[in-house]
Amino acid sequence: MKIGRRIQIAEMLKAGLAYRIIKKELKVGITTIMLVDRKLQQSPSCFDLIMYREDKVEKEYKRKAYEKIGSSKMIFKNKVYTGFKRKDVER
């Protein structure tokens, strides 16, 4: 839970939102926001690996979660859920 909040704070800081808006929106303390901001200033790419992995998981999930069923003559094929979940993605 804590790391998820810090990732959200980092995304909002990168978007240029003010501390008070982040505090009100996420219900976190100013000290937490300042800590994340300091970490971002010390090493700007500290959250990039987390963002990259999140994008990788979402892309693979979207690719494998549903498959299209139907003949080659069908224009609009039916989507069928395959049972693939986000936790099944190799990390």
N, C-alpha and C. Protein backbone atom coordinates (compact mmCIF):
# COMPACT_ATOMS: atom_id res chain seq x y z
N MET A 1 0.82 -1.19 0.00
CA MET A 1 0.00 0.00 0.00
C MET A 1 0.87 1.26 0.00
N LYS A 2 1.91 1.26 0.83
CA LYS A 2 2.75 2.44 0.94
C LYS A 2 3.50 2.72 -0.35
N ILE A 3 4.07 1.69 -0.97
CA ILE A 3 4.82 1.91 -2.21
C ILE A 3 3.89 2.35 -3.33
N GLY A 4 2.68 1.84 -3.33
CA GLY A 4 1.71 2.26 -4.35
C GLY A 4 1.38 3.73 -4.24
N ARG A 5 1.23 4.22 -3.01
CA ARG A 5 0.95 5.64 -2.79
C ARG A 5 2.13 6.49 -3.26
N ARG A 6 3.34 6.02 -2.96
CA ARG A 6 4.53 6.78 -3.35
C ARG A 6 4.69 6.83 -4.86
N ILE A 7 4.30 5.78 -5.52
CA ILE A 7 4.33 5.79 -6.99
C ILE A 7 3.32 6.79 -7.52
N GLN A 8 2.13 6.81 -6.93
CA GLN A 8 1.12 7.79 -7.34
C GLN A 8 1.60 9.22 -7.08
N ILE A 9 2.25 9.43 -5.93
CA ILE A 9 2.78 10.75 -5.62
C ILE A 9 3.83 11.15 -6.65
N ALA A 10 4.71 10.22 -7.01
CA ALA A 10 5.76 10.52 -7.99
C ALA A 10 5.15 10.87 -9.34
N GLU A 11 4.12 10.14 -9.75
CA GLU A 11 3.46 10.45 -11.03
C GLU A 11 2.85 11.84 -11.00
N MET A 12 2.22 12.19 -9.88
CA MET A 12 1.59 13.51 -9.78
C MET A 12 2.64 14.62 -9.73
N LEU A 13 3.75 14.38 -9.05
CA LEU A 13 4.82 15.37 -9.02
C LEU A 13 5.42 15.58 -10.41
N LYS A 14 5.59 14.48 -11.15
CA LYS A 14 6.11 14.60 -12.51
C LYS A 14 5.14 15.34 -13.41
N ALA A 15 3.85 15.24 -13.10
CA ALA A 15 2.84 15.96 -13.88
C ALA A 15 2.79 17.44 -13.52
N GLY A 16 3.48 17.82 -12.42
CA GLY A 16 3.56 19.22 -12.05
C GLY A 16 2.49 19.70 -11.09
N LEU A 17 1.84 18.80 -10.39
CA LEU A 17 0.81 19.20 -9.43
C LEU A 17 1.44 19.74 -8.14
N ALA A 18 0.73 20.62 -7.47
CA ALA A 18 1.21 21.22 -6.22
C ALA A 18 1.05 20.23 -5.06
N TYR A 19 1.85 20.46 -4.01
CA TYR A 19 1.81 19.60 -2.83
C TYR A 19 0.42 19.53 -2.22
N ARG A 20 -0.24 20.67 -2.08
CA ARG A 20 -1.55 20.69 -1.41
C ARG A 20 -2.60 19.92 -2.20
N ILE A 21 -2.51 19.92 -3.52
CA ILE A 21 -3.45 19.16 -4.35
C ILE A 21 -3.21 17.67 -4.16
N ILE A 22 -1.93 17.27 -4.15
CA ILE A 22 -1.59 15.86 -3.95
C ILE A 22 -2.05 15.41 -2.57
N LYS A 23 -1.82 16.25 -1.57
CA LYS A 23 -2.22 15.93 -0.19
C LYS A 23 -3.72 15.71 -0.10
N LYS A 24 -4.47 16.59 -0.72
CA LYS A 24 -5.93 16.50 -0.67
C LYS A 24 -6.45 15.29 -1.45
N GLU A 25 -5.85 15.05 -2.61
CA GLU A 25 -6.31 13.98 -3.49
C GLU A 25 -6.01 12.58 -2.92
N LEU A 26 -4.77 12.38 -2.43
CA LEU A 26 -4.34 11.05 -1.98
C LEU A 26 -4.43 10.86 -0.46
N LYS A 27 -4.71 11.95 0.26
CA LYS A 27 -4.80 11.90 1.72
C LYS A 27 -3.50 11.38 2.35
N VAL A 28 -2.40 12.04 1.98
CA VAL A 28 -1.08 11.72 2.54
C VAL A 28 -0.52 12.99 3.16
N GLY A 29 0.51 12.81 3.99
CA GLY A 29 1.12 13.96 4.65
C GLY A 29 2.10 14.70 3.75
N ILE A 30 2.34 15.94 4.10
CA ILE A 30 3.28 16.78 3.36
C ILE A 30 4.69 16.18 3.43
N THR A 31 5.05 15.59 4.58
CA THR A 31 6.39 15.02 4.71
C THR A 31 6.61 13.87 3.75
N THR A 32 5.59 13.07 3.51
CA THR A 32 5.69 11.96 2.55
C THR A 32 5.89 12.52 1.14
N ILE A 33 5.16 13.55 0.81
CA ILE A 33 5.29 14.16 -0.52
C ILE A 33 6.68 14.76 -0.68
N MET A 34 7.18 15.41 0.37
CA MET A 34 8.51 16.00 0.32
C MET A 34 9.59 14.93 0.18
N LEU A 35 9.41 13.79 0.86
CA LEU A 35 10.35 12.69 0.77
C LEU A 35 10.43 12.16 -0.67
N VAL A 36 9.27 11.94 -1.27
CA VAL A 36 9.23 11.44 -2.65
C VAL A 36 9.84 12.46 -3.61
N ASP A 37 9.54 13.73 -3.39
CA ASP A 37 10.09 14.79 -4.24
C ASP A 37 11.61 14.84 -4.12
N ARG A 38 12.12 14.69 -2.91
CA ARG A 38 13.58 14.69 -2.70
C ARG A 38 14.22 13.50 -3.41
N LYS A 39 13.59 12.33 -3.31
CA LYS A 39 14.13 11.14 -3.99
C LYS A 39 14.12 11.32 -5.50
N LEU A 40 13.08 11.95 -6.04
CA LEU A 40 13.01 12.22 -7.47
C LEU A 40 14.09 13.20 -7.91
N GLN A 41 14.40 14.18 -7.05
CA GLN A 41 15.44 15.14 -7.39
C GLN A 41 16.82 14.52 -7.31
N GLN A 42 17.03 13.60 -6.34
CA GLN A 42 18.33 12.95 -6.20
C GLN A 42 18.61 12.01 -7.36
N SER A 43 17.62 11.20 -7.72
CA SER A 43 17.79 10.32 -8.88
C SER A 43 16.47 10.31 -9.65
N PRO A 44 16.40 11.06 -10.74
CA PRO A 44 15.15 11.22 -11.49
C PRO A 44 14.58 9.92 -12.07
N SER A 45 15.41 8.92 -12.24
CA SER A 45 14.92 7.68 -12.84
C SER A 45 14.59 6.61 -11.81
N CYS A 46 14.44 6.98 -10.53
CA CYS A 46 14.23 5.96 -9.48
C CYS A 46 12.91 5.22 -9.63
N PHE A 47 11.89 5.83 -10.21
CA PHE A 47 10.60 5.16 -10.36
C PHE A 47 10.38 4.64 -11.79
N ASP A 48 11.35 4.87 -12.67
CA ASP A 48 11.19 4.47 -14.07
C ASP A 48 11.09 2.96 -14.26
N LEU A 49 11.87 2.18 -13.49
CA LEU A 49 11.83 0.73 -13.60
C LEU A 49 10.45 0.20 -13.21
N ILE A 50 9.86 0.77 -12.16
CA ILE A 50 8.53 0.35 -11.73
C ILE A 50 7.50 0.65 -12.82
N MET A 51 7.60 1.82 -13.42
CA MET A 51 6.67 2.22 -14.49
C MET A 51 6.85 1.31 -15.72
N TYR A 52 8.10 0.98 -16.03
CA TYR A 52 8.37 0.10 -17.17
C TYR A 52 7.74 -1.28 -16.94
N ARG A 53 7.90 -1.81 -15.76
CA ARG A 53 7.34 -3.14 -15.46
C ARG A 53 5.82 -3.12 -15.47
N GLU A 54 5.24 -2.03 -14.98
CA GLU A 54 3.78 -1.91 -15.00
C GLU A 54 3.26 -1.89 -16.43
N ASP A 55 3.93 -1.15 -17.31
CA ASP A 55 3.53 -1.11 -18.72
C ASP A 55 3.68 -2.47 -19.37
N LYS A 56 4.76 -3.18 -19.03
CA LYS A 56 5.01 -4.51 -19.59
C LYS A 56 3.89 -5.48 -19.19
N VAL A 57 3.49 -5.45 -17.93
CA VAL A 57 2.43 -6.33 -17.43
C VAL A 57 1.12 -6.03 -18.15
N GLU A 58 0.78 -4.75 -18.28
CA GLU A 58 -0.48 -4.37 -18.93
C GLU A 58 -0.50 -4.79 -20.40
N LYS A 59 0.60 -4.61 -21.10
CA LYS A 59 0.65 -4.98 -22.52
C LYS A 59 0.47 -6.48 -22.70
N GLU A 60 1.19 -7.27 -21.87
CA GLU A 60 1.08 -8.72 -21.99
C GLU A 60 -0.32 -9.21 -21.59
N TYR A 61 -0.90 -8.60 -20.57
CA TYR A 61 -2.25 -8.98 -20.15
C TYR A 61 -3.25 -8.71 -21.27
N LYS A 62 -3.18 -7.52 -21.86
CA LYS A 62 -4.11 -7.19 -22.95
C LYS A 62 -3.94 -8.12 -24.13
N ARG A 63 -2.71 -8.57 -24.37
CA ARG A 63 -2.46 -9.45 -25.51
C ARG A 63 -2.96 -10.88 -25.26
N LYS A 64 -2.88 -11.36 -24.02
CA LYS A 64 -3.18 -12.76 -23.75
C LYS A 64 -4.52 -13.01 -23.06
N ALA A 65 -5.18 -12.00 -22.51
CA ALA A 65 -6.39 -12.21 -21.72
C ALA A 65 -7.58 -12.62 -22.59
N TYR A 66 -7.66 -12.10 -23.79
CA TYR A 66 -8.78 -12.42 -24.67
C TYR A 66 -8.26 -12.86 -26.03
N GLU A 67 -8.97 -13.79 -26.63
CA GLU A 67 -8.62 -14.18 -28.00
C GLU A 67 -9.87 -14.09 -28.86
N LYS A 68 -9.64 -13.80 -30.11
CA LYS A 68 -10.76 -13.65 -31.03
C LYS A 68 -11.07 -14.99 -31.67
N ILE A 69 -12.34 -15.35 -31.65
CA ILE A 69 -12.82 -16.62 -32.17
C ILE A 69 -13.73 -16.35 -33.36
N GLY A 70 -13.54 -17.10 -34.41
CA GLY A 70 -14.40 -16.97 -35.57
C GLY A 70 -13.66 -17.37 -36.84
N SER A 71 -14.41 -17.56 -37.89
CA SER A 71 -13.80 -17.97 -39.16
C SER A 71 -13.13 -16.78 -39.83
N SER A 72 -12.37 -17.06 -40.86
CA SER A 72 -11.65 -16.00 -41.55
C SER A 72 -12.59 -15.07 -42.32
N LYS A 73 -13.82 -15.51 -42.56
CA LYS A 73 -14.77 -14.69 -43.30
C LYS A 73 -15.54 -13.73 -42.40
N MET A 74 -15.46 -13.94 -41.09
CA MET A 74 -16.16 -13.06 -40.15
C MET A 74 -15.42 -11.73 -40.02
N ILE A 75 -16.15 -10.66 -40.16
CA ILE A 75 -15.55 -9.34 -40.02
C ILE A 75 -15.36 -9.01 -38.54
N PHE A 76 -16.42 -9.18 -37.75
CA PHE A 76 -16.37 -8.92 -36.32
C PHE A 76 -16.33 -10.25 -35.59
N LYS A 77 -15.15 -10.58 -35.06
CA LYS A 77 -14.99 -11.86 -34.37
C LYS A 77 -15.35 -11.70 -32.89
N ASN A 78 -15.76 -12.79 -32.28
CA ASN A 78 -16.14 -12.79 -30.88
C ASN A 78 -14.90 -12.88 -30.00
N LYS A 79 -14.89 -12.12 -28.90
CA LYS A 79 -13.79 -12.20 -27.94
C LYS A 79 -14.17 -13.17 -26.84
N VAL A 80 -13.22 -14.04 -26.48
CA VAL A 80 -13.43 -15.03 -25.43
C VAL A 80 -12.33 -14.89 -24.40
N TYR A 81 -12.71 -14.85 -23.13
CA TYR A 81 -11.73 -14.73 -22.04
C TYR A 81 -10.96 -16.03 -21.91
N THR A 82 -9.64 -15.94 -21.83
CA THR A 82 -8.78 -17.13 -21.79
C THR A 82 -8.47 -17.60 -20.38
N GLY A 83 -8.75 -16.79 -19.37
CA GLY A 83 -8.42 -17.15 -18.00
C GLY A 83 -7.06 -16.63 -17.56
N PHE A 84 -6.38 -15.90 -18.43
CA PHE A 84 -5.06 -15.32 -18.13
C PHE A 84 -5.26 -14.11 -17.22
N LYS A 85 -4.48 -14.06 -16.13
CA LYS A 85 -4.61 -12.96 -15.16
C LYS A 85 -3.32 -12.16 -15.10
N ARG A 86 -3.41 -10.97 -14.54
CA ARG A 86 -2.22 -10.12 -14.42
C ARG A 86 -1.12 -10.79 -13.60
N LYS A 87 -1.51 -11.55 -12.60
CA LYS A 87 -0.49 -12.21 -11.76
C LYS A 87 0.22 -13.35 -12.49
N ASP A 88 -0.32 -13.77 -13.65
CA ASP A 88 0.32 -14.83 -14.44
C ASP A 88 1.45 -14.32 -15.33
N VAL A 89 1.62 -13.01 -15.41
CA VAL A 89 2.65 -12.42 -16.25
C VAL A 89 4.03 -12.69 -15.63
N GLU A 90 4.99 -13.12 -16.46
CA GLU A 90 6.36 -13.34 -16.00
C GLU A 90 6.98 -12.00 -15.63
N ARG A 91 7.61 -11.95 -14.50
CA ARG A 91 8.25 -10.70 -14.05
C ARG A 91 9.71 -10.89 -13.85
